[in-house]
């Protein structure tokens, strides 16, 4: 499908500059509100960079790993770190409001969530599944 794609910018700011990587895989645009956004249409990965001043110019390095931004009298170099915009997974297992989230130290895929009824769920975030349920009761805290 060689039809042109439309990129919709989800804000009402004015775009002040635009740049593409050499292979056209990433687009960067600056707004008049001091924000630069990078977007990879093929993967939907994105990155936002908050600036101290409005950008007056954008340029990618030849290999596309860095973005150069003219801010006032300074040219700043930013590393391109696109975050994959994977489908969002909602945790809907709790019956009451979730009060706390805590990553388990030394186990990068384990997340604990605690709700207002004192129910604690231990999640494997790599699979999105609950590993264990603990009932602490309402006077847990």
N, C-alpha and C. Protein backbone atom coordinates (compact mmCIF):
# COMPACT_ATOMS: atom_id res chain seq x y z
N UNK A 1 0.84 -1.18 0.00
CA UNK A 1 0.00 0.00 0.00
C UNK A 1 0.88 1.24 0.00
N UNK A 2 0.91 1.96 -1.10
CA UNK A 2 1.76 3.15 -1.23
C UNK A 2 0.99 4.45 -1.01
N UNK A 3 -0.18 4.35 -0.40
CA UNK A 3 -0.97 5.55 -0.12
C UNK A 3 -0.27 6.38 0.96
N UNK A 4 -0.29 7.70 0.83
CA UNK A 4 0.33 8.53 1.87
C UNK A 4 -0.41 8.38 3.19
N UNK A 5 0.34 8.44 4.27
CA UNK A 5 -0.22 8.35 5.62
C UNK A 5 -0.32 9.75 6.21
N UNK A 6 -1.29 9.96 7.07
CA UNK A 6 -1.48 11.24 7.74
C UNK A 6 -1.06 11.10 9.19
N UNK A 7 -0.20 11.98 9.64
CA UNK A 7 0.21 12.02 11.04
C UNK A 7 -0.59 13.13 11.72
N UNK A 8 -1.41 12.75 12.69
CA UNK A 8 -2.19 13.74 13.42
C UNK A 8 -1.47 14.06 14.71
N UNK A 9 -1.24 15.33 14.94
CA UNK A 9 -0.57 15.78 16.15
C UNK A 9 -1.65 16.09 17.17
N UNK A 10 -1.56 15.44 18.33
CA UNK A 10 -2.61 15.53 19.35
C UNK A 10 -2.45 16.73 20.26
N UNK A 11 -2.26 17.88 19.68
CA UNK A 11 -2.25 19.11 20.47
C UNK A 11 -2.67 20.26 19.58
N UNK A 12 -2.85 21.41 20.18
CA UNK A 12 -3.28 22.57 19.41
C UNK A 12 -2.15 23.57 19.26
N UNK A 13 -0.92 23.14 19.49
CA UNK A 13 0.23 24.01 19.34
C UNK A 13 0.63 24.09 17.87
N UNK A 14 1.35 25.14 17.55
CA UNK A 14 1.83 25.30 16.19
C UNK A 14 3.15 24.55 16.02
N UNK A 15 3.29 23.84 14.93
CA UNK A 15 4.55 23.17 14.61
C UNK A 15 5.49 24.21 14.04
N UNK A 16 6.69 24.32 14.65
CA UNK A 16 7.65 25.35 14.23
C UNK A 16 8.78 24.80 13.40
N UNK A 17 9.05 23.49 13.48
CA UNK A 17 10.10 22.89 12.66
C UNK A 17 9.85 21.41 12.54
N UNK A 18 10.47 20.81 11.54
CA UNK A 18 10.26 19.41 11.21
C UNK A 18 11.57 18.83 10.70
N UNK A 19 11.86 17.57 11.06
CA UNK A 19 13.07 16.90 10.56
C UNK A 19 12.79 15.41 10.41
N UNK A 20 13.49 14.77 9.48
CA UNK A 20 13.38 13.33 9.26
C UNK A 20 14.77 12.71 9.35
N UNK A 21 14.81 11.44 9.81
CA UNK A 21 16.08 10.70 9.73
C UNK A 21 16.37 10.43 8.26
N UNK A 22 17.64 10.11 7.95
CA UNK A 22 18.02 9.85 6.56
C UNK A 22 17.21 8.75 5.90
N UNK A 23 16.82 7.73 6.68
CA UNK A 23 16.03 6.64 6.10
C UNK A 23 14.52 6.89 6.22
N UNK A 24 14.15 8.07 6.70
CA UNK A 24 12.74 8.48 6.87
C UNK A 24 11.96 7.61 7.84
N UNK A 25 12.65 6.91 8.73
CA UNK A 25 11.95 6.04 9.68
C UNK A 25 11.45 6.79 10.90
N UNK A 26 12.01 7.97 11.17
CA UNK A 26 11.61 8.77 12.33
C UNK A 26 11.40 10.21 11.89
N UNK A 27 10.33 10.80 12.39
CA UNK A 27 10.04 12.21 12.17
C UNK A 27 10.14 12.92 13.51
N UNK A 28 10.68 14.12 13.50
CA UNK A 28 10.73 14.96 14.69
C UNK A 28 10.04 16.27 14.36
N UNK A 29 9.25 16.77 15.31
CA UNK A 29 8.63 18.07 15.11
C UNK A 29 8.69 18.86 16.41
N UNK A 30 8.88 20.16 16.27
CA UNK A 30 8.94 21.07 17.41
C UNK A 30 7.67 21.91 17.42
N UNK A 31 7.20 22.23 18.64
CA UNK A 31 6.01 23.08 18.76
C UNK A 31 6.41 24.42 19.39
N UNK A 32 5.49 25.36 19.32
CA UNK A 32 5.75 26.68 19.91
C UNK A 32 5.57 26.68 21.42
N UNK A 33 5.40 25.51 22.01
CA UNK A 33 5.27 25.39 23.47
C UNK A 33 6.49 24.74 24.11
N UNK A 34 7.63 24.73 23.40
CA UNK A 34 8.85 24.19 23.97
C UNK A 34 8.89 22.68 24.06
N UNK A 35 8.28 22.00 23.10
CA UNK A 35 8.25 20.54 23.09
C UNK A 35 8.70 20.03 21.74
N UNK A 36 9.55 19.01 21.76
CA UNK A 36 9.94 18.30 20.54
C UNK A 36 9.44 16.87 20.68
N UNK A 37 8.76 16.37 19.67
CA UNK A 37 8.26 15.00 19.68
C UNK A 37 8.88 14.24 18.53
N UNK A 38 9.30 13.01 18.81
CA UNK A 38 9.83 12.12 17.78
C UNK A 38 8.84 10.98 17.63
N UNK A 39 8.67 10.50 16.41
CA UNK A 39 7.68 9.46 16.14
C UNK A 39 8.17 8.57 15.01
N UNK A 40 8.06 7.25 15.22
CA UNK A 40 8.40 6.26 14.19
C UNK A 40 7.11 5.63 13.70
N UNK A 41 6.58 6.04 12.57
CA UNK A 41 5.28 5.54 12.11
C UNK A 41 5.19 4.02 11.97
N UNK A 42 6.26 3.38 11.57
CA UNK A 42 6.21 1.93 11.35
C UNK A 42 5.98 1.16 12.64
N UNK A 43 6.56 1.64 13.74
CA UNK A 43 6.44 0.92 15.02
C UNK A 43 5.56 1.64 16.02
N UNK A 44 5.15 2.87 15.70
CA UNK A 44 4.36 3.72 16.60
C UNK A 44 5.13 4.07 17.88
N UNK A 45 6.46 3.93 17.85
CA UNK A 45 7.29 4.31 18.99
C UNK A 45 7.41 5.82 19.01
N UNK A 46 7.55 6.40 20.23
CA UNK A 46 7.63 7.85 20.32
C UNK A 46 8.54 8.28 21.45
N UNK A 47 8.89 9.56 21.41
CA UNK A 47 9.71 10.17 22.45
C UNK A 47 9.36 11.65 22.49
N UNK A 48 9.18 12.19 23.68
CA UNK A 48 8.94 13.62 23.85
C UNK A 48 10.12 14.23 24.60
N UNK A 49 10.51 15.41 24.19
CA UNK A 49 11.62 16.13 24.82
C UNK A 49 11.10 17.52 25.19
N UNK A 50 11.13 17.83 26.49
CA UNK A 50 10.74 19.17 26.95
C UNK A 50 11.96 20.07 26.89
N UNK A 51 11.79 21.24 26.29
CA UNK A 51 12.90 22.17 26.10
C UNK A 51 12.79 23.33 27.08
N UNK A 52 13.92 23.98 27.35
CA UNK A 52 13.90 25.17 28.20
C UNK A 52 13.50 26.41 27.40
N UNK A 53 13.67 26.35 26.08
CA UNK A 53 13.26 27.44 25.18
C UNK A 53 12.64 26.81 23.94
N UNK A 54 11.90 27.61 23.18
CA UNK A 54 11.33 27.09 21.93
C UNK A 54 12.45 26.73 20.96
N UNK A 55 12.25 25.66 20.20
CA UNK A 55 13.25 25.22 19.22
C UNK A 55 13.14 26.08 17.96
N UNK A 56 14.30 26.47 17.45
CA UNK A 56 14.31 27.22 16.19
C UNK A 56 14.87 26.39 15.05
N UNK A 57 15.31 25.17 15.35
CA UNK A 57 15.83 24.29 14.31
C UNK A 57 16.02 22.88 14.82
N UNK A 58 15.81 21.89 13.93
CA UNK A 58 15.99 20.47 14.25
C UNK A 58 16.81 19.81 13.16
N UNK A 59 17.68 18.87 13.55
CA UNK A 59 18.44 18.09 12.57
C UNK A 59 18.86 16.78 13.21
N UNK A 60 18.73 15.69 12.48
CA UNK A 60 19.18 14.38 12.96
C UNK A 60 20.64 14.18 12.55
N UNK A 61 21.36 13.36 13.34
CA UNK A 61 22.69 12.92 12.93
C UNK A 61 22.53 12.02 11.71
N UNK A 62 23.61 11.80 10.98
CA UNK A 62 23.52 10.98 9.77
C UNK A 62 22.99 9.58 10.04
N UNK A 63 23.36 9.00 11.18
CA UNK A 63 22.91 7.64 11.50
C UNK A 63 21.56 7.64 12.23
N UNK A 64 21.04 8.80 12.60
CA UNK A 64 19.72 8.89 13.22
C UNK A 64 19.69 8.58 14.70
N UNK A 65 20.84 8.49 15.36
CA UNK A 65 20.86 8.16 16.79
C UNK A 65 20.78 9.39 17.68
N UNK A 66 21.00 10.58 17.11
CA UNK A 66 20.95 11.81 17.88
C UNK A 66 20.14 12.87 17.12
N UNK A 67 19.47 13.71 17.91
CA UNK A 67 18.73 14.84 17.36
C UNK A 67 19.40 16.10 17.90
N UNK A 68 19.67 17.05 17.01
CA UNK A 68 20.25 18.33 17.39
C UNK A 68 19.15 19.38 17.34
N UNK A 69 19.03 20.11 18.44
CA UNK A 69 17.96 21.09 18.59
C UNK A 69 18.57 22.45 18.87
N UNK A 70 18.20 23.44 18.06
CA UNK A 70 18.62 24.82 18.31
C UNK A 70 17.62 25.44 19.28
N UNK A 71 18.13 25.80 20.49
CA UNK A 71 17.32 26.44 21.53
C UNK A 71 17.96 27.77 21.85
N UNK A 72 17.36 28.84 21.42
CA UNK A 72 17.95 30.16 21.67
C UNK A 72 19.32 30.27 21.04
N UNK A 73 20.35 30.46 21.86
CA UNK A 73 21.72 30.59 21.35
C UNK A 73 22.51 29.29 21.44
N UNK A 74 21.86 28.20 21.78
CA UNK A 74 22.55 26.94 22.03
C UNK A 74 22.03 25.84 21.11
N UNK A 75 22.94 24.98 20.65
CA UNK A 75 22.54 23.76 19.95
C UNK A 75 22.75 22.62 20.94
N UNK A 76 21.67 21.90 21.23
CA UNK A 76 21.73 20.79 22.18
C UNK A 76 21.61 19.46 21.44
N UNK A 77 22.31 18.47 21.95
CA UNK A 77 22.28 17.13 21.38
C UNK A 77 21.46 16.23 22.29
N UNK A 78 20.49 15.52 21.72
CA UNK A 78 19.65 14.58 22.46
C UNK A 78 19.77 13.20 21.82
N UNK A 79 19.90 12.19 22.67
CA UNK A 79 19.93 10.83 22.17
C UNK A 79 18.51 10.39 21.82
N UNK A 80 18.36 9.74 20.68
CA UNK A 80 17.05 9.25 20.27
C UNK A 80 16.76 7.97 21.04
N UNK A 81 15.72 8.01 21.88
CA UNK A 81 15.32 6.86 22.70
C UNK A 81 13.82 6.66 22.53
N UNK A 82 13.45 6.08 21.43
CA UNK A 82 12.03 5.88 21.16
C UNK A 82 11.47 4.79 22.06
N UNK A 83 10.30 5.04 22.61
CA UNK A 83 9.63 4.08 23.47
C UNK A 83 8.54 3.41 22.65
N UNK A 84 8.57 2.08 22.65
CA UNK A 84 7.58 1.33 21.89
C UNK A 84 6.20 1.59 22.47
N UNK A 85 5.29 1.97 21.63
CA UNK A 85 3.94 2.31 22.05
C UNK A 85 3.05 1.08 21.92
N UNK A 86 3.41 0.03 22.66
CA UNK A 86 2.64 -1.22 22.59
C UNK A 86 1.23 -1.02 23.12
N UNK A 87 0.38 -1.93 22.78
CA UNK A 87 -1.00 -1.86 23.25
C UNK A 87 -1.01 -1.79 24.77
N UNK A 88 -1.84 -0.91 25.30
CA UNK A 88 -1.94 -0.71 26.74
C UNK A 88 -2.68 -1.89 27.37
N UNK A 89 -2.16 -2.39 28.49
CA UNK A 89 -2.82 -3.47 29.21
C UNK A 89 -3.33 -2.91 30.53
N UNK A 90 -4.62 -2.95 30.73
CA UNK A 90 -5.20 -2.44 31.96
C UNK A 90 -5.28 -3.55 33.00
N UNK A 91 -4.97 -3.20 34.25
CA UNK A 91 -5.12 -4.13 35.37
C UNK A 91 -6.52 -3.89 35.92
N UNK A 92 -7.41 -4.84 35.70
CA UNK A 92 -8.80 -4.66 36.12
C UNK A 92 -9.23 -5.72 37.12
N UNK A 93 -8.30 -6.36 37.74
CA UNK A 93 -8.61 -7.46 38.64
C UNK A 93 -9.08 -6.98 40.01
N UNK A 94 -8.66 -5.79 40.41
CA UNK A 94 -9.05 -5.26 41.73
C UNK A 94 -10.52 -4.86 41.72
N UNK A 95 -11.16 -5.03 42.87
CA UNK A 95 -12.57 -4.65 43.00
C UNK A 95 -12.73 -3.27 43.63
N UNK A 96 -11.67 -2.78 44.28
CA UNK A 96 -11.68 -1.43 44.85
C UNK A 96 -10.49 -0.66 44.29
N UNK A 97 -10.40 0.60 44.65
CA UNK A 97 -9.38 1.50 44.11
C UNK A 97 -7.97 1.01 44.45
N UNK A 98 -7.10 1.02 43.45
CA UNK A 98 -5.70 0.64 43.66
C UNK A 98 -4.99 1.82 44.33
N UNK A 99 -4.34 1.53 45.46
CA UNK A 99 -3.67 2.57 46.24
C UNK A 99 -2.17 2.63 46.01
N UNK A 100 -1.56 1.49 45.74
CA UNK A 100 -0.11 1.42 45.62
C UNK A 100 0.30 0.45 44.51
N UNK A 101 1.38 0.81 43.84
CA UNK A 101 2.07 -0.08 42.90
C UNK A 101 3.53 -0.11 43.32
N UNK A 102 4.13 -1.29 43.29
CA UNK A 102 5.52 -1.42 43.71
C UNK A 102 6.20 -2.49 42.89
N UNK A 103 7.30 -2.11 42.22
CA UNK A 103 8.12 -3.11 41.53
C UNK A 103 8.90 -3.88 42.58
N UNK A 104 8.98 -5.20 42.43
CA UNK A 104 9.69 -6.04 43.38
C UNK A 104 11.19 -5.97 43.07
N UNK A 105 12.01 -5.55 44.05
CA UNK A 105 13.46 -5.44 43.81
C UNK A 105 14.05 -6.78 43.35
N UNK A 106 14.98 -6.69 42.45
CA UNK A 106 15.71 -7.85 41.90
C UNK A 106 14.85 -8.80 41.07
N UNK A 107 13.61 -8.42 40.77
CA UNK A 107 12.73 -9.22 39.91
C UNK A 107 12.03 -8.25 38.97
N UNK A 108 12.66 -7.95 37.83
CA UNK A 108 12.21 -6.85 36.99
C UNK A 108 10.82 -7.02 36.40
N UNK A 109 10.26 -8.21 36.38
CA UNK A 109 8.94 -8.41 35.80
C UNK A 109 7.84 -8.54 36.85
N UNK A 110 8.18 -8.42 38.14
CA UNK A 110 7.17 -8.60 39.18
C UNK A 110 6.70 -7.25 39.73
N UNK A 111 5.38 -7.08 39.72
CA UNK A 111 4.76 -5.86 40.21
C UNK A 111 3.70 -6.24 41.24
N UNK A 112 3.71 -5.54 42.37
CA UNK A 112 2.67 -5.74 43.40
C UNK A 112 1.71 -4.57 43.32
N UNK A 113 0.41 -4.87 43.44
CA UNK A 113 -0.60 -3.82 43.48
C UNK A 113 -1.48 -4.05 44.69
N UNK A 114 -1.75 -2.98 45.44
CA UNK A 114 -2.53 -3.06 46.67
C UNK A 114 -3.74 -2.16 46.54
N UNK A 115 -4.94 -2.70 46.87
CA UNK A 115 -6.15 -1.89 46.79
C UNK A 115 -6.66 -1.50 48.17
N UNK A 116 -7.71 -0.69 48.21
CA UNK A 116 -8.22 -0.14 49.47
C UNK A 116 -8.88 -1.18 50.36
N UNK A 117 -9.19 -2.36 49.83
CA UNK A 117 -9.77 -3.41 50.68
C UNK A 117 -8.69 -4.26 51.33
N UNK A 118 -7.42 -3.98 51.00
CA UNK A 118 -6.32 -4.76 51.55
C UNK A 118 -5.96 -5.98 50.72
N UNK A 119 -6.41 -6.03 49.48
CA UNK A 119 -6.05 -7.12 48.58
C UNK A 119 -4.77 -6.75 47.84
N UNK A 120 -3.78 -7.61 47.92
CA UNK A 120 -2.50 -7.41 47.25
C UNK A 120 -2.36 -8.45 46.16
N UNK A 121 -2.10 -8.00 44.95
CA UNK A 121 -1.90 -8.92 43.83
C UNK A 121 -0.44 -8.85 43.40
N UNK A 122 0.16 -9.99 43.14
CA UNK A 122 1.51 -10.07 42.62
C UNK A 122 1.40 -10.45 41.14
N UNK A 123 1.89 -9.57 40.28
CA UNK A 123 1.74 -9.72 38.83
C UNK A 123 3.06 -10.09 38.17
N UNK A 124 3.00 -10.93 37.16
CA UNK A 124 4.12 -11.14 36.24
C UNK A 124 3.83 -10.24 35.05
N UNK A 125 4.51 -9.10 34.96
CA UNK A 125 4.21 -8.13 33.91
C UNK A 125 4.68 -8.58 32.54
N UNK A 126 5.54 -9.59 32.48
CA UNK A 126 5.94 -10.12 31.17
C UNK A 126 4.78 -10.86 30.51
N UNK A 127 3.93 -11.47 31.35
CA UNK A 127 2.78 -12.21 30.82
C UNK A 127 1.46 -11.49 31.07
N UNK A 128 1.44 -10.53 32.00
CA UNK A 128 0.21 -9.83 32.35
C UNK A 128 -0.71 -10.64 33.24
N UNK A 129 -0.19 -11.69 33.85
CA UNK A 129 -1.02 -12.59 34.66
C UNK A 129 -0.71 -12.41 36.15
N UNK A 130 -1.75 -12.64 36.97
CA UNK A 130 -1.60 -12.60 38.43
C UNK A 130 -0.97 -13.91 38.87
N UNK A 131 0.11 -13.81 39.65
CA UNK A 131 0.79 -15.00 40.17
C UNK A 131 0.22 -15.43 41.51
N UNK A 132 -0.12 -14.43 42.35
CA UNK A 132 -0.59 -14.76 43.69
C UNK A 132 -1.46 -13.62 44.22
N UNK A 133 -2.46 -14.00 45.05
CA UNK A 133 -3.35 -13.03 45.68
C UNK A 133 -3.19 -13.15 47.19
N UNK A 134 -2.98 -12.01 47.85
CA UNK A 134 -2.86 -11.96 49.30
C UNK A 134 -4.01 -11.12 49.83
N UNK A 135 -4.66 -11.56 50.89
CA UNK A 135 -5.73 -10.78 51.51
C UNK A 135 -5.22 -10.28 52.86
N UNK A 136 -4.94 -8.97 52.91
CA UNK A 136 -4.39 -8.38 54.13
C UNK A 136 -5.50 -7.84 55.02
N UNK A 137 -6.69 -7.62 54.48
CA UNK A 137 -7.79 -7.06 55.24
C UNK A 137 -7.77 -5.55 55.21
N UNK A 138 -8.85 -4.94 55.64
CA UNK A 138 -8.98 -3.49 55.55
C UNK A 138 -8.09 -2.74 56.52
N UNK A 139 -7.64 -3.37 57.65
CA UNK A 139 -6.75 -2.65 58.57
C UNK A 139 -5.29 -2.95 58.31
N UNK A 140 -4.92 -3.18 57.06
CA UNK A 140 -3.53 -3.50 56.71
C UNK A 140 -2.59 -2.35 57.01
N UNK A 141 -3.08 -1.13 57.02
CA UNK A 141 -2.19 0.02 57.19
C UNK A 141 -2.55 0.73 58.41
